[in-house]
Amino acid sequence: MNEKNLFDLLKKDLENDLNYLKKQKNEEQEKQRLEKINDLEKIKTELTKSIEEKIDKTLEKKLKTFYYWLFGVSLFLLIVIIGVFFYLRNSFIK
Protein backbone atom coordinates (compact mmCIF):
# COMPACT_ATOMS: atom_id res chain seq x y z
CA MET A 1 0.00 0.00 0.00
CA ASN A 2 2.70 2.37 0.98
CA GLU A 3 4.63 1.70 -2.18
CA LYS A 4 1.55 2.29 -4.27
CA ASN A 5 0.97 5.65 -2.58
CA LEU A 6 4.59 6.54 -3.10
CA PHE A 7 4.38 5.64 -6.79
CA ASP A 8 1.14 7.60 -7.12
CA LEU A 9 2.76 10.63 -5.53
CA LEU A 10 5.78 10.30 -7.79
CA LYS A 11 3.52 9.95 -10.79
CA LYS A 12 1.58 13.08 -9.81
CA ASP A 13 4.82 14.99 -9.30
CA LEU A 14 6.11 13.87 -12.66
CA GLU A 15 2.83 14.80 -14.34
CA ASN A 16 2.92 18.21 -12.67
CA ASP A 17 6.50 18.70 -13.81
CA LEU A 18 5.59 17.59 -17.30
CA ASN A 19 2.63 19.99 -17.41
CA TYR A 20 4.82 22.79 -16.12
CA LEU A 21 7.44 22.08 -18.77
CA LYS A 22 4.79 21.95 -21.50
CA LYS A 23 3.38 25.25 -20.32
CA GLN A 24 6.84 26.79 -20.21
CA LYS A 25 7.61 25.48 -23.70
CA ASN A 26 4.36 26.92 -25.06
CA GLU A 27 5.12 30.28 -23.46
CA GLU A 28 8.59 30.26 -24.99
CA GLN A 29 7.18 29.40 -28.41
CA GLU A 30 4.62 32.19 -28.10
CA LYS A 31 7.37 34.60 -27.11
CA GLN A 32 9.47 33.59 -30.12
CA ARG A 33 6.45 33.94 -32.40
CA LEU A 34 5.79 37.45 -31.10
CA GLU A 35 9.46 38.37 -31.57
CA LYS A 36 9.33 37.14 -35.17
CA ILE A 37 6.18 39.18 -35.77
CA ASN A 38 7.86 42.29 -34.33
CA ASP A 39 10.95 41.70 -36.46
CA LEU A 40 8.81 41.29 -39.57
CA GLU A 41 6.94 44.50 -38.77
CA LYS A 42 10.23 46.37 -38.38
CA ILE A 43 11.47 45.01 -41.70
CA LYS A 44 8.16 45.95 -43.32
CA THR A 45 8.39 49.55 -42.08
CA GLU A 46 12.02 49.81 -43.24
CA LEU A 47 11.14 48.48 -46.68
CA THR A 48 8.15 50.80 -46.91
CA LYS A 49 10.36 53.77 -46.04
CA SER A 50 12.99 52.80 -48.59
CA ILE A 51 10.35 52.30 -51.31
CA GLU A 52 8.78 55.67 -50.49
CA GLU A 53 12.21 57.33 -50.65
CA LYS A 54 12.89 55.75 -54.06
CA ILE A 55 9.50 56.88 -55.34
CA ASP A 56 10.10 60.40 -53.99
CA LYS A 57 13.51 60.55 -55.67
CA THR A 58 12.17 59.39 -59.02
CA LEU A 59 9.25 61.81 -58.85
CA GLU A 60 11.59 64.63 -57.92
CA LYS A 61 13.86 63.75 -60.84
CA LYS A 62 10.93 63.57 -63.27
CA LEU A 63 9.55 66.91 -62.04
CA LYS A 64 12.96 68.48 -62.40
CA THR A 65 13.28 67.31 -66.01
CA PHE A 66 9.71 68.42 -66.69
CA TYR A 67 10.47 71.91 -65.36
CA TYR A 68 13.64 72.09 -67.48
CA TRP A 69 11.67 71.10 -70.58
CA LEU A 70 8.93 73.58 -69.69
CA PHE A 71 11.49 76.35 -69.22
CA GLY A 72 13.20 75.46 -72.50
CA VAL A 73 9.95 75.38 -74.47
CA SER A 74 8.74 78.66 -72.96
CA LEU A 75 12.10 80.29 -73.71
CA PHE A 76 11.97 78.99 -77.28
CA LEU A 77 8.41 80.28 -77.73
CA LEU A 78 9.39 83.63 -76.27
CA ILE A 79 12.28 83.91 -78.74
CA VAL A 80 9.97 82.93 -81.63
CA ILE A 81 7.33 85.48 -80.55
CA ILE A 82 9.92 88.25 -80.23
CA GLY A 83 11.40 87.32 -83.62
CA VAL A 84 7.97 87.35 -85.26
CA PHE A 85 7.21 90.69 -83.63
CA PHE A 86 10.39 92.30 -84.99
CA TYR A 87 9.90 90.65 -88.39
CA LEU A 88 6.35 91.97 -88.67
CA ARG A 89 7.37 95.39 -87.38
CA ASN A 90 10.12 95.66 -89.99
CA SER A 91 7.84 94.42 -92.76
CA PHE A 92 5.12 96.97 -91.89
CA ILE A 93 7.61 99.82 -91.63
CA LYS A 94 8.86 99.26 -95.19
C-alpha atoms as a PDB file:
ATOM      1  CA  MET A   1       0.000   0.000   0.000  1.00  0.00           C
ATOM      2  CA  ASN A   2       2.699   2.366   0.977  1.00  0.00           C
ATOM      3  CA  GLU A   3       4.627   1.704  -2.180  1.00  0.00           C
ATOM      4  CA  LYS A   4       1.552   2.295  -4.269  1.00  0.00           C
ATOM      5  CA  ASN A   5       0.973   5.651  -2.583  1.00  0.00           C
ATOM      6  CA  LEU A   6       4.587   6.538  -3.102  1.00  0.00           C
ATOM      7  CA  PHE A   7       4.379   5.644  -6.787  1.00  0.00           C
ATOM      8  CA  ASP A   8       1.142   7.597  -7.117  1.00  0.00           C
ATOM      9  CA  LEU A   9       2.763  10.630  -5.532  1.00  0.00           C
ATOM     10  CA  LEU A  10       5.777  10.304  -7.788  1.00  0.00           C
ATOM     11  CA  LYS A  11       3.516   9.946 -10.787  1.00  0.00           C
ATOM     12  CA  LYS A  12       1.583  13.084  -9.807  1.00  0.00           C
ATOM     13  CA  ASP A  13       4.820  14.988  -9.300  1.00  0.00           C
ATOM     14  CA  LEU A  14       6.109  13.875 -12.664  1.00  0.00           C
ATOM     15  CA  GLU A  15       2.828  14.798 -14.343  1.00  0.00           C
ATOM     16  CA  ASN A  16       2.916  18.209 -12.672  1.00  0.00           C
ATOM     17  CA  ASP A  17       6.497  18.702 -13.806  1.00  0.00           C
ATOM     18  CA  LEU A  18       5.587  17.589 -17.299  1.00  0.00           C
ATOM     19  CA  ASN A  19       2.634  19.988 -17.410  1.00  0.00           C
ATOM     20  CA  TYR A  20       4.819  22.790 -16.117  1.00  0.00           C
ATOM     21  CA  LEU A  21       7.441  22.082 -18.775  1.00  0.00           C
ATOM     22  CA  LYS A  22       4.789  21.949 -21.497  1.00  0.00           C
ATOM     23  CA  LYS A  23       3.381  25.254 -20.317  1.00  0.00           C
ATOM     24  CA  GLN A  24       6.844  26.791 -20.211  1.00  0.00           C
ATOM     25  CA  LYS A  25       7.614  25.478 -23.702  1.00  0.00           C
ATOM     26  CA  ASN A  26       4.358  26.917 -25.055  1.00  0.00           C
ATOM     27  CA  GLU A  27       5.118  30.284 -23.462  1.00  0.00           C
ATOM     28  CA  GLU A  28       8.591  30.261 -24.993  1.00  0.00           C
ATOM     29  CA  GLN A  29       7.180  29.400 -28.414  1.00  0.00           C
ATOM     30  CA  GLU A  30       4.623  32.188 -28.104  1.00  0.00           C
ATOM     31  CA  LYS A  31       7.371  34.605 -27.107  1.00  0.00           C
ATOM     32  CA  GLN A  32       9.475  33.590 -30.122  1.00  0.00           C
ATOM     33  CA  ARG A  33       6.454  33.943 -32.400  1.00  0.00           C
ATOM     34  CA  LEU A  34       5.793  37.455 -31.097  1.00  0.00           C
ATOM     35  CA  GLU A  35       9.460  38.365 -31.568  1.00  0.00           C
ATOM     36  CA  LYS A  36       9.331  37.142 -35.166  1.00  0.00           C
ATOM     37  CA  ILE A  37       6.182  39.180 -35.765  1.00  0.00           C
ATOM     38  CA  ASN A  38       7.855  42.287 -34.334  1.00  0.00           C
ATOM     39  CA  ASP A  39      10.947  41.703 -36.460  1.00  0.00           C
ATOM     40  CA  LEU A  40       8.812  41.290 -39.573  1.00  0.00           C
ATOM     41  CA  GLU A  41       6.936  44.501 -38.772  1.00  0.00           C
ATOM     42  CA  LYS A  42      10.232  46.371 -38.384  1.00  0.00           C
ATOM     43  CA  ILE A  43      11.466  45.009 -41.703  1.00  0.00           C
ATOM     44  CA  LYS A  44       8.157  45.953 -43.318  1.00  0.00           C
ATOM     45  CA  THR A  45       8.389  49.552 -42.082  1.00  0.00           C
ATOM     46  CA  GLU A  46      12.018  49.815 -43.242  1.00  0.00           C
ATOM     47  CA  LEU A  47      11.138  48.475 -46.681  1.00  0.00           C
ATOM     48  CA  THR A  48       8.151  50.796 -46.906  1.00  0.00           C
ATOM     49  CA  LYS A  49      10.356  53.767 -46.042  1.00  0.00           C
ATOM     50  CA  SER A  50      12.985  52.802 -48.594  1.00  0.00           C
ATOM     51  CA  ILE A  51      10.353  52.297 -51.306  1.00  0.00           C
ATOM     52  CA  GLU A  52       8.781  55.670 -50.485  1.00  0.00           C
ATOM     53  CA  GLU A  53      12.208  57.326 -50.652  1.00  0.00           C
ATOM     54  CA  LYS A  54      12.889  55.751 -54.058  1.00  0.00           C
ATOM     55  CA  ILE A  55       9.499  56.884 -55.340  1.00  0.00           C
ATOM     56  CA  ASP A  56      10.097  60.396 -53.994  1.00  0.00           C
ATOM     57  CA  LYS A  57      13.507  60.547 -55.666  1.00  0.00           C
ATOM     58  CA  THR A  58      12.165  59.385 -59.019  1.00  0.00           C
ATOM     59  CA  LEU A  59       9.248  61.810 -58.848  1.00  0.00           C
ATOM     60  CA  GLU A  60      11.586  64.628 -57.922  1.00  0.00           C
ATOM     61  CA  LYS A  61      13.858  63.746 -60.838  1.00  0.00           C
ATOM     62  CA  LYS A  62      10.930  63.574 -63.268  1.00  0.00           C
ATOM     63  CA  LEU A  63       9.555  66.908 -62.037  1.00  0.00           C
ATOM     64  CA  LYS A  64      12.965  68.480 -62.395  1.00  0.00           C
ATOM     65  CA  THR A  65      13.284  67.315 -66.009  1.00  0.00           C
ATOM     66  CA  PHE A  66       9.708  68.419 -66.691  1.00  0.00           C
ATOM     67  CA  TYR A  67      10.472  71.912 -65.363  1.00  0.00           C
ATOM     68  CA  TYR A  68      13.639  72.091 -67.481  1.00  0.00           C
ATOM     69  CA  TRP A  69      11.668  71.101 -70.577  1.00  0.00           C
ATOM     70  CA  LEU A  70       8.932  73.576 -69.694  1.00  0.00           C
ATOM     71  CA  PHE A  71      11.488  76.354 -69.218  1.00  0.00           C
ATOM     72  CA  GLY A  72      13.202  75.461 -72.498  1.00  0.00           C
ATOM     73  CA  VAL A  73       9.952  75.380 -74.467  1.00  0.00           C
ATOM     74  CA  SER A  74       8.742  78.655 -72.961  1.00  0.00           C
ATOM     75  CA  LEU A  75      12.100  80.286 -73.707  1.00  0.00           C
ATOM     76  CA  PHE A  76      11.970  78.989 -77.284  1.00  0.00           C
ATOM     77  CA  LEU A  77       8.408  80.277 -77.731  1.00  0.00           C
ATOM     78  CA  LEU A  78       9.395  83.630 -76.271  1.00  0.00           C
ATOM     79  CA  ILE A  79      12.277  83.912 -78.745  1.00  0.00           C
ATOM     80  CA  VAL A  80       9.967  82.934 -81.627  1.00  0.00           C
ATOM     81  CA  ILE A  81       7.330  85.484 -80.554  1.00  0.00           C
ATOM     82  CA  ILE A  82       9.916  88.247 -80.229  1.00  0.00           C
ATOM     83  CA  GLY A  83      11.403  87.316 -83.619  1.00  0.00           C
ATOM     84  CA  VAL A  84       7.968  87.346 -85.265  1.00  0.00           C
ATOM     85  CA  PHE A  85       7.214  90.693 -83.628  1.00  0.00           C
ATOM     86  CA  PHE A  86      10.391  92.298 -84.986  1.00  0.00           C
ATOM     87  CA  TYR A  87       9.903  90.654 -88.389  1.00  0.00           C
ATOM     88  CA  LEU A  88       6.353  91.971 -88.665  1.00  0.00           C
ATOM     89  CA  ARG A  89       7.369  95.390 -87.381  1.00  0.00           C
ATOM     90  CA  ASN A  90      10.122  95.662 -89.987  1.00  0.00           C
ATOM     91  CA  SER A  91       7.844  94.422 -92.762  1.00  0.00           C
ATOM     92  CA  PHE A  92       5.122  96.967 -91.888  1.00  0.00           C
ATOM     93  CA  ILE A  93       7.611  99.818 -91.634  1.00  0.00           C
ATOM     94  CA  LYS A  94       8.861  99.261 -95.194  1.00  0.00           C
END
